[in-house]
C-alpha atoms as a PDB file:
ATOM      1  CA  MET A   1     123.498  13.199 133.729  1.00  0.00           C
ATOM      2  CA  ASN A   2     121.865  10.243 132.764  1.00  0.00           C
ATOM      3  CA  ILE A   3     118.631  12.191 131.120  1.00  0.00           C
ATOM      4  CA  GLY A   4     115.684   9.992 129.098  1.00  0.00           C
ATOM      5  CA  GLY A   5     114.618  12.619 126.786  1.00  0.00           C
ATOM      6  CA  LEU A   6     113.529  16.322 126.168  1.00  0.00           C
ATOM      7  CA  GLN A   7     110.722  18.544 125.591  1.00  0.00           C
ATOM      8  CA  LYS A   8     111.956  21.016 123.870  1.00  0.00           C
ATOM      9  CA  VAL A   9     109.599  23.845 124.723  1.00  0.00           C
ATOM     10  CA  SER A  10     106.675  24.399 127.041  1.00  0.00           C
ATOM     11  CA  LEU A  11     104.736  27.362 128.024  1.00  0.00           C
ATOM     12  CA  LEU A  12     103.255  25.307 130.975  1.00  0.00           C
ATOM     13  CA  ASP A  13     105.627  23.661 133.471  1.00  0.00           C
ATOM     14  CA  TYR A  14     107.285  26.903 134.757  1.00  0.00           C
ATOM     15  CA  PRO A  15     104.992  29.693 135.824  1.00  0.00           C
ATOM     16  CA  ASP A  16     105.101  32.326 133.628  1.00  0.00           C
ATOM     17  CA  LYS A  17     108.128  31.234 131.973  1.00  0.00           C
ATOM     18  CA  ILE A  18     109.218  29.644 128.238  1.00  0.00           C
ATOM     19  CA  ALA A  19     110.809  26.449 129.463  1.00  0.00           C
ATOM     20  CA  THR A  20     112.919  23.490 128.151  1.00  0.00           C
ATOM     21  CA  ILE A  21     112.357  20.433 130.027  1.00  0.00           C
ATOM     22  CA  VAL A  22     114.728  17.590 131.076  1.00  0.00           C
ATOM     23  CA  PHE A  23     113.631  13.992 131.973  1.00  0.00           C
ATOM     24  CA  THR A  24     115.878  11.729 133.913  1.00  0.00           C
ATOM     25  CA  ASN A  25     116.137   8.045 134.125  1.00  0.00           C
ATOM     26  CA  GLY A  26     115.659   6.187 137.183  1.00  0.00           C
ATOM     27  CA  CYS A  27     112.998   6.380 139.535  1.00  0.00           C
ATOM     28  CA  CYS A  28     112.323   4.861 143.202  1.00  0.00           C
ATOM     29  CA  PHE A  29     108.914   4.599 143.200  1.00  0.00           C
ATOM     30  CA  ARG A  30     107.070   2.464 141.036  1.00  0.00           C
ATOM     31  CA  CYS A  31     103.576   4.182 140.607  1.00  0.00           C
ATOM     32  CA  GLY A  32     101.251   2.078 138.732  1.00  0.00           C
ATOM     33  CA  PHE A  33      99.768   5.159 137.207  1.00  0.00           C
ATOM     34  CA  CYS A  34     102.648   6.640 136.082  1.00  0.00           C
ATOM     35  CA  HIS A  35     102.508   8.084 132.584  1.00  0.00           C
ATOM     36  CA  ASN A  36     106.919   7.608 132.049  1.00  0.00           C
ATOM     37  CA  PRO A  37     107.435   3.854 132.415  1.00  0.00           C
ATOM     38  CA  GLY A  38     110.442   4.173 129.907  1.00  0.00           C
ATOM     39  CA  LEU A  39     111.924   6.390 132.665  1.00  0.00           C
ATOM     40  CA  VAL A  40     111.782   4.302 135.578  1.00  0.00           C
ATOM     41  CA  MET A  41     113.569   1.180 135.345  1.00  0.00           C
ATOM     42  CA  PRO A  42     116.423  -0.138 133.143  1.00  0.00           C
ATOM     43  CA  PRO A  43     116.730  -0.895 130.496  1.00  0.00           C
ATOM     44  CA  PHE A  44     115.808   2.723 129.448  1.00  0.00           C
ATOM     45  CA  SER A  45     113.693   3.196 126.430  1.00  0.00           C
ATOM     46  CA  SER A  46     115.835   6.263 125.354  1.00  0.00           C
ATOM     47  CA  SER A  47     118.968   8.754 126.298  1.00  0.00           C
ATOM     48  CA  VAL A  48     120.047  11.583 125.302  1.00  0.00           C
ATOM     49  CA  SER A  49     123.617  12.943 126.051  1.00  0.00           C
ATOM     50  CA  GLU A  50     124.241  15.820 128.180  1.00  0.00           C
ATOM     51  CA  LYS A  51     126.147  17.535 125.370  1.00  0.00           C
ATOM     52  CA  GLU A  52     123.672  17.297 122.959  1.00  0.00           C
ATOM     53  CA  PHE A  53     121.259  18.844 126.047  1.00  0.00           C
ATOM     54  CA  LEU A  54     123.377  21.878 126.578  1.00  0.00           C
ATOM     55  CA  ASP A  55     124.017  22.093 123.021  1.00  0.00           C
ATOM     56  CA  TYR A  56     120.366  22.879 122.371  1.00  0.00           C
ATOM     57  CA  LEU A  57     120.079  25.443 125.410  1.00  0.00           C
ATOM     58  CA  ASP A  58     123.511  27.257 123.780  1.00  0.00           C
ATOM     59  CA  GLY A  59     121.641  27.179 120.421  1.00  0.00           C
ATOM     60  CA  ARG A  60     118.222  28.801 121.884  1.00  0.00           C
ATOM     61  CA  LYS A  61     120.381  31.744 123.834  1.00  0.00           C
ATOM     62  CA  GLY A  62     117.819  34.670 124.421  1.00  0.00           C
ATOM     63  CA  LEU A  63     114.789  32.376 123.433  1.00  0.00           C
ATOM     64  CA  LEU A  64     114.446  30.412 126.387  1.00  0.00           C
ATOM     65  CA  ASP A  65     114.225  31.354 130.122  1.00  0.00           C
ATOM     66  CA  ALA A  66     113.974  28.133 132.338  1.00  0.00           C
ATOM     67  CA  VAL A  67     114.780  24.447 132.254  1.00  0.00           C
ATOM     68  CA  VAL A  68     112.314  22.121 134.202  1.00  0.00           C
ATOM     69  CA  ILE A  69     114.281  18.564 135.787  1.00  0.00           C
ATOM     70  CA  THR A  70     112.131  16.329 135.966  1.00  0.00           C
ATOM     71  CA  GLY A  71     111.922  12.453 135.491  1.00  0.00           C
ATOM     72  CA  GLY A  72     112.054   9.660 136.551  1.00  0.00           C
ATOM     73  CA  GLU A  73     113.442  11.307 140.212  1.00  0.00           C
ATOM     74  CA  PRO A  74     116.248  14.163 139.741  1.00  0.00           C
ATOM     75  CA  THR A  75     117.554  13.202 142.982  1.00  0.00           C
ATOM     76  CA  LEU A  76     118.847  10.521 142.323  1.00  0.00           C
ATOM     77  CA  GLN A  77     121.387  11.754 139.731  1.00  0.00           C
ATOM     78  CA  SER A  78     124.973  11.853 141.619  1.00  0.00           C
ATOM     79  CA  ASP A  79     125.648  14.876 139.516  1.00  0.00           C
ATOM     80  CA  LEU A  80     122.410  16.758 139.899  1.00  0.00           C
ATOM     81  CA  LEU A  81     123.831  20.070 141.235  1.00  0.00           C
ATOM     82  CA  GLU A  82     127.049  19.754 138.648  1.00  0.00           C
ATOM     83  CA  PHE A  83     124.272  19.573 135.824  1.00  0.00           C
ATOM     84  CA  MET A  84     122.060  22.651 137.656  1.00  0.00           C
ATOM     85  CA  GLU A  85     125.464  24.795 137.849  1.00  0.00           C
ATOM     86  CA  LYS A  86     126.047  24.296 134.024  1.00  0.00           C
ATOM     87  CA  ILE A  87     122.345  25.134 133.614  1.00  0.00           C
ATOM     88  CA  LYS A  88     123.080  28.539 135.634  1.00  0.00           C
ATOM     89  CA  THR A  89     125.915  29.547 133.797  1.00  0.00           C
ATOM     90  CA  ARG A  90     123.489  30.107 130.856  1.00  0.00           C
ATOM     91  CA  GLY A  91     121.847  32.242 132.762  1.00  0.00           C
ATOM     92  CA  LEU A  92     118.783  30.209 133.111  1.00  0.00           C
ATOM     93  CA  LEU A  93     116.176  29.210 135.870  1.00  0.00           C
ATOM     94  CA  ILE A  94     115.656  26.011 137.359  1.00  0.00           C
ATOM     95  CA  LYS A  95     112.724  24.507 138.416  1.00  0.00           C
ATOM     96  CA  LEU A  96     113.192  20.992 140.103  1.00  0.00           C
ATOM     97  CA  ASP A  97     110.429  18.333 140.054  1.00  0.00           C
ATOM     98  CA  THR A  98     110.827  15.840 143.172  1.00  0.00           C
ATOM     99  CA  CYS A  99     108.979  12.977 144.567  1.00  0.00           C
ATOM    100  CA  GLY A 100     110.855  13.912 148.201  1.00  0.00           C
ATOM    101  CA  ALA A 101     111.791  10.643 148.614  1.00  0.00           C
ATOM    102  CA  PHE A 102     115.424  11.884 149.642  1.00  0.00           C
ATOM    103  CA  PRO A 103     115.145  14.831 151.826  1.00  0.00           C
ATOM    104  CA  LYS A 104     119.285  15.393 152.096  1.00  0.00           C
ATOM    105  CA  LYS A 105     119.452  15.854 148.124  1.00  0.00           C
ATOM    106  CA  VAL A 106     116.029  17.769 148.704  1.00  0.00           C
ATOM    107  CA  LYS A 107     118.495  20.233 151.094  1.00  0.00           C
ATOM    108  CA  GLU A 108     121.162  20.146 149.077  1.00  0.00           C
ATOM    109  CA  SER A 109     119.715  21.531 145.987  1.00  0.00           C
ATOM    110  CA  ILE A 110     117.780  24.139 147.680  1.00  0.00           C
ATOM    111  CA  ASP A 111     120.978  24.957 149.958  1.00  0.00           C
ATOM    112  CA  SER A 112     122.975  25.185 146.118  1.00  0.00           C
ATOM    113  CA  GLY A 113     121.269  28.322 145.160  1.00  0.00           C
ATOM    114  CA  PHE A 114     120.885  26.730 141.667  1.00  0.00           C
ATOM    115  CA  VAL A 115     117.061  25.802 142.150  1.00  0.00           C
ATOM    116  CA  ASP A 116     114.435  28.991 141.814  1.00  0.00           C
ATOM    117  CA  TYR A 117     111.164  26.744 141.630  1.00  0.00           C
ATOM    118  CA  VAL A 118     110.784  23.644 143.330  1.00  0.00           C
ATOM    119  CA  ALA A 119     107.788  21.243 142.606  1.00  0.00           C
ATOM    120  CA  MET A 120     107.228  18.255 145.122  1.00  0.00           C
ATOM    121  CA  ASP A 121     104.408  15.307 144.124  1.00  0.00           C
ATOM    122  CA  ILE A 122     102.301  13.738 146.702  1.00  0.00           C
ATOM    123  CA  LYS A 123     100.932  10.579 146.242  1.00  0.00           C
ATOM    124  CA  SER A 124      98.928   9.685 149.282  1.00  0.00           C
ATOM    125  CA  THR A 125      98.333   9.658 152.688  1.00  0.00           C
ATOM    126  CA  ARG A 126     101.205   8.985 155.446  1.00  0.00           C
ATOM    127  CA  GLU A 127      99.386   5.487 156.104  1.00  0.00           C
ATOM    128  CA  GLU A 128      99.137   4.550 152.450  1.00  0.00           C
ATOM    129  CA  TYR A 129     102.011   6.073 150.484  1.00  0.00           C
ATOM    130  CA  GLU A 130     104.087   2.306 150.244  1.00  0.00           C
ATOM    131  CA  LYS A 131     100.655   0.896 149.098  1.00  0.00           C
ATOM    132  CA  VAL A 132     100.386   3.869 146.171  1.00  0.00           C
ATOM    133  CA  THR A 133     104.164   3.646 145.425  1.00  0.00           C
ATOM    134  CA  ASN A 134     105.063   0.101 145.614  1.00  0.00           C
ATOM    135  CA  MET A 135     108.510   0.851 147.550  1.00  0.00           C
ATOM    136  CA  PRO A 136     109.532   1.276 151.223  1.00  0.00           C
ATOM    137  CA  ILE A 137     109.804   4.509 152.551  1.00  0.00           C
ATOM    138  CA  VAL A 138     112.599   5.406 154.776  1.00  0.00           C
ATOM    139  CA  GLY A 139     111.369   6.836 158.051  1.00  0.00           C
ATOM    140  CA  GLY A 140     109.732  10.338 157.589  1.00  0.00           C
ATOM    141  CA  ALA A 141     111.361  11.351 154.542  1.00  0.00           C
ATOM    142  CA  ILE A 142     108.352  12.499 152.698  1.00  0.00           C
ATOM    143  CA  GLU A 143     107.151  14.509 155.618  1.00  0.00           C
ATOM    144  CA  GLU A 144     111.218  16.403 155.712  1.00  0.00           C
ATOM    145  CA  SER A 145     110.761  17.104 152.260  1.00  0.00           C
ATOM    146  CA  ILE A 146     108.022  18.713 152.755  1.00  0.00           C
ATOM    147  CA  ALA A 147     109.217  20.808 156.026  1.00  0.00           C
ATOM    148  CA  LEU A 148     112.148  21.521 153.984  1.00  0.00           C
ATOM    149  CA  ILE A 149     110.225  22.977 150.783  1.00  0.00           C
ATOM    150  CA  LEU A 150     107.862  24.693 152.980  1.00  0.00           C
ATOM    151  CA  GLY A 151     110.808  26.152 155.082  1.00  0.00           C
ATOM    152  CA  SER A 152     112.334  27.652 152.229  1.00  0.00           C
ATOM    153  CA  GLU A 153     111.865  30.869 150.456  1.00  0.00           C
ATOM    154  CA  LEU A 154     111.503  29.393 147.247  1.00  0.00           C
ATOM    155  CA  PRO A 155     108.475  29.541 145.326  1.00  0.00           C
ATOM    156  CA  HIS A 156     107.028  26.023 145.234  1.00  0.00           C
ATOM    157  CA  GLU A 157     104.119  23.624 144.112  1.00  0.00           C
ATOM    158  CA  PHE A 158     102.677  20.434 145.439  1.00  0.00           C
ATOM    159  CA  ARG A 159     100.644  18.551 143.243  1.00  0.00           C
ATOM    160  CA  SER A 160      98.541  15.127 143.653  1.00  0.00           C
ATOM    161  CA  THR A 161      97.543  12.464 140.798  1.00  0.00           C
ATOM    162  CA  ILE A 162      94.242  11.585 141.709  1.00  0.00           C
ATOM    163  CA  VAL A 163      93.070   8.126 141.128  1.00  0.00           C
ATOM    164  CA  GLU A 164      89.544   6.768 141.775  1.00  0.00           C
ATOM    165  CA  GLY A 165      89.910   4.039 144.061  1.00  0.00           C
ATOM    166  CA  LEU A 166      93.448   5.296 145.593  1.00  0.00           C
ATOM    167  CA  HIS A 167      92.112   8.432 146.781  1.00  0.00           C
ATOM    168  CA  ASP A 168      88.937  10.161 147.619  1.00  0.00           C
ATOM    169  CA  GLU A 169      87.609  13.232 149.428  1.00  0.00           C
ATOM    170  CA  GLU A 170      88.743  12.421 152.661  1.00  0.00           C
ATOM    171  CA  LYS A 171      92.365  11.032 151.544  1.00  0.00           C
ATOM    172  CA  ILE A 172      92.692  14.638 149.545  1.00  0.00           C
ATOM    173  CA  LEU A 173      91.945  16.604 152.405  1.00  0.00           C
ATOM    174  CA  ALA A 174      94.349  14.756 154.203  1.00  0.00           C
ATOM    175  CA  MET A 175      97.366  15.052 152.233  1.00  0.00           C
ATOM    176  CA  ALA A 176      96.047  18.650 152.087  1.00  0.00           C
ATOM    177  CA  GLN A 177      96.724  18.477 155.561  1.00  0.00           C
ATOM    178  CA  MET A 178     100.146  17.340 154.976  1.00  0.00           C
ATOM    179  CA  ILE A 179     101.744  20.244 153.291  1.00  0.00           C
ATOM    180  CA  GLU A 180      99.719  22.985 155.043  1.00  0.00           C
ATOM    181  CA  GLY A 181     100.759  26.510 154.879  1.00  0.00           C
ATOM    182  CA  ALA A 182     102.042  25.299 150.735  1.00  0.00           C
ATOM    183  CA  ASN A 183     101.949  28.327 148.367  1.00  0.00           C
ATOM    184  CA  ALA A 184      99.946  26.001 145.677  1.00  0.00           C
ATOM    185  CA  TYR A 185      98.521  22.424 145.542  1.00  0.00           C
ATOM    186  CA  TYR A 186      97.477  21.076 142.484  1.00  0.00           C
ATOM    187  CA  LEU A 187      94.967  18.159 142.074  1.00  0.00           C
ATOM    188  CA  GLN A 188      95.925  16.192 138.355  1.00  0.00           C
ATOM    189  CA  GLN A 189      92.949  14.077 137.303  1.00  0.00           C
ATOM    190  CA  PHE A 190      94.415  11.241 136.177  1.00  0.00           C
ATOM    191  CA  ARG A 191      94.293  10.248 132.332  1.00  0.00           C
ATOM    192  CA  VAL A 192      95.544   6.812 130.753  1.00  0.00           C
ATOM    193  CA  ALA A 193      98.120   6.771 128.873  1.00  0.00           C
ATOM    194  CA  GLU A 194      99.343   4.537 125.615  1.00  0.00           C
ATOM    195  CA  GLU A 195     102.409   2.585 128.212  1.00  0.00           C
ATOM    196  CA  MET A 196     102.047   2.450 132.146  1.00  0.00           C
ATOM    197  CA  ASN A 197     104.016   1.229 134.645  1.00  0.00           C
ATOM    198  CA  ASP A 198     100.865  -1.245 135.937  1.00  0.00           C
ATOM    199  CA  ASN A 199      98.432  -1.646 132.440  1.00  0.00           C
ATOM    200  CA  SER A 200      95.562  -2.411 135.023  1.00  0.00           C
ATOM    201  CA  PHE A 201      95.423   1.650 135.287  1.00  0.00           C
ATOM    202  CA  LYS A 202      93.959   1.713 131.737  1.00  0.00           C
ATOM    203  CA  GLY A 203      90.541   0.429 133.254  1.00  0.00           C
ATOM    204  CA  LYS A 204      90.727   3.687 136.021  1.00  0.00           C
ATOM    205  CA  LYS A 205      89.814   7.125 135.889  1.00  0.00           C
ATOM    206  CA  SER A 206      89.872  10.183 137.742  1.00  0.00           C
ATOM    207  CA  LEU A 207      87.521  11.662 140.041  1.00  0.00           C
ATOM    208  CA  PRO A 208      84.603  13.512 138.284  1.00  0.00           C
ATOM    209  CA  LYS A 209      85.707  17.250 137.700  1.00  0.00           C
ATOM    210  CA  LYS A 210      82.817  18.829 139.602  1.00  0.00           C
ATOM    211  CA  GLU A 211      83.752  16.670 142.903  1.00  0.00           C
ATOM    212  CA  LEU A 212      87.419  17.823 142.576  1.00  0.00           C
ATOM    213  CA  GLU A 213      86.339  21.004 142.304  1.00  0.00           C
ATOM    214  CA  GLN A 214      84.417  20.796 145.381  1.00  0.00           C
ATOM    215  CA  ILE A 215      87.332  18.760 147.043  1.00  0.00           C
ATOM    216  CA  ALA A 216      89.976  22.084 146.428  1.00  0.00           C
ATOM    217  CA  LYS A 217      87.601  24.588 148.031  1.00  0.00           C
ATOM    218  CA  LYS A 218      88.040  22.622 150.939  1.00  0.00           C
ATOM    219  CA  CYS A 219      91.698  21.766 150.509  1.00  0.00           C
ATOM    220  CA  LYS A 220      92.173  25.851 150.648  1.00  0.00           C
ATOM    221  CA  LYS A 221      91.415  25.881 154.699  1.00  0.00           C
ATOM    222  CA  TYR A 222      94.879  24.259 154.598  1.00  0.00           C
ATOM    223  CA  VAL A 223      96.810  25.849 151.318  1.00  0.00           C
ATOM    224  CA  LYS A 224      96.997  28.984 150.250  1.00  0.00           C
ATOM    225  CA  MET A 225      95.663  27.956 146.673  1.00  0.00           C
ATOM    226  CA  CYS A 226      94.214  24.843 145.279  1.00  0.00           C
ATOM    227  CA  ASP A 227      93.246  23.906 141.339  1.00  0.00           C
ATOM    228  CA  ILE A 228      92.726  21.382 138.945  1.00  0.00           C
ATOM    229  CA  ARG A 229      94.488  20.331 136.160  1.00  0.00           C
END
């Protein structure tokens, strides 16, 4: 597994669990507002050996509940299933974060039985996905991954980072409609990071929180819960 970094303890990323976050190197998208540019394209800014990570889990036995696998894009990793199996043998829950670009890998992950919780990013409306991600989208890949997650019995969430100029009320409601029936949809407020894929985004901001709260109420027409992060 090509690991770019660890967050050893998180109380936020897996609901109601104490988790470790493992970041994988490599991503298929080039979103300008990405906060982890060092994980997107080689040469990667850092790496952690799989042994170091597993040794950490072994040293924290009984203190951790779960591992969150994020990135980058974890489904790019050819040994993702094998990696998850090693985590499961240690008695830990797994949350998988994905952009949904590779529905076959999403299905394999769900069908493996290793994943306990899945989260998928929704980048934009169907019409503007390529504009926002700066990459071509193969066929109906995003819609297929959404359907796989909604059709599974797994706890799940979808989330969108909201950037003024890229997203407005109409587009956010269209994104909520794409995931109609979802358990949870989070509108994440864009924040400027020290390093970004596209530094022009350092001059951008999210929509005002009060406006997002009003939009979140309207999103509940399509999803069971919508909240602001």
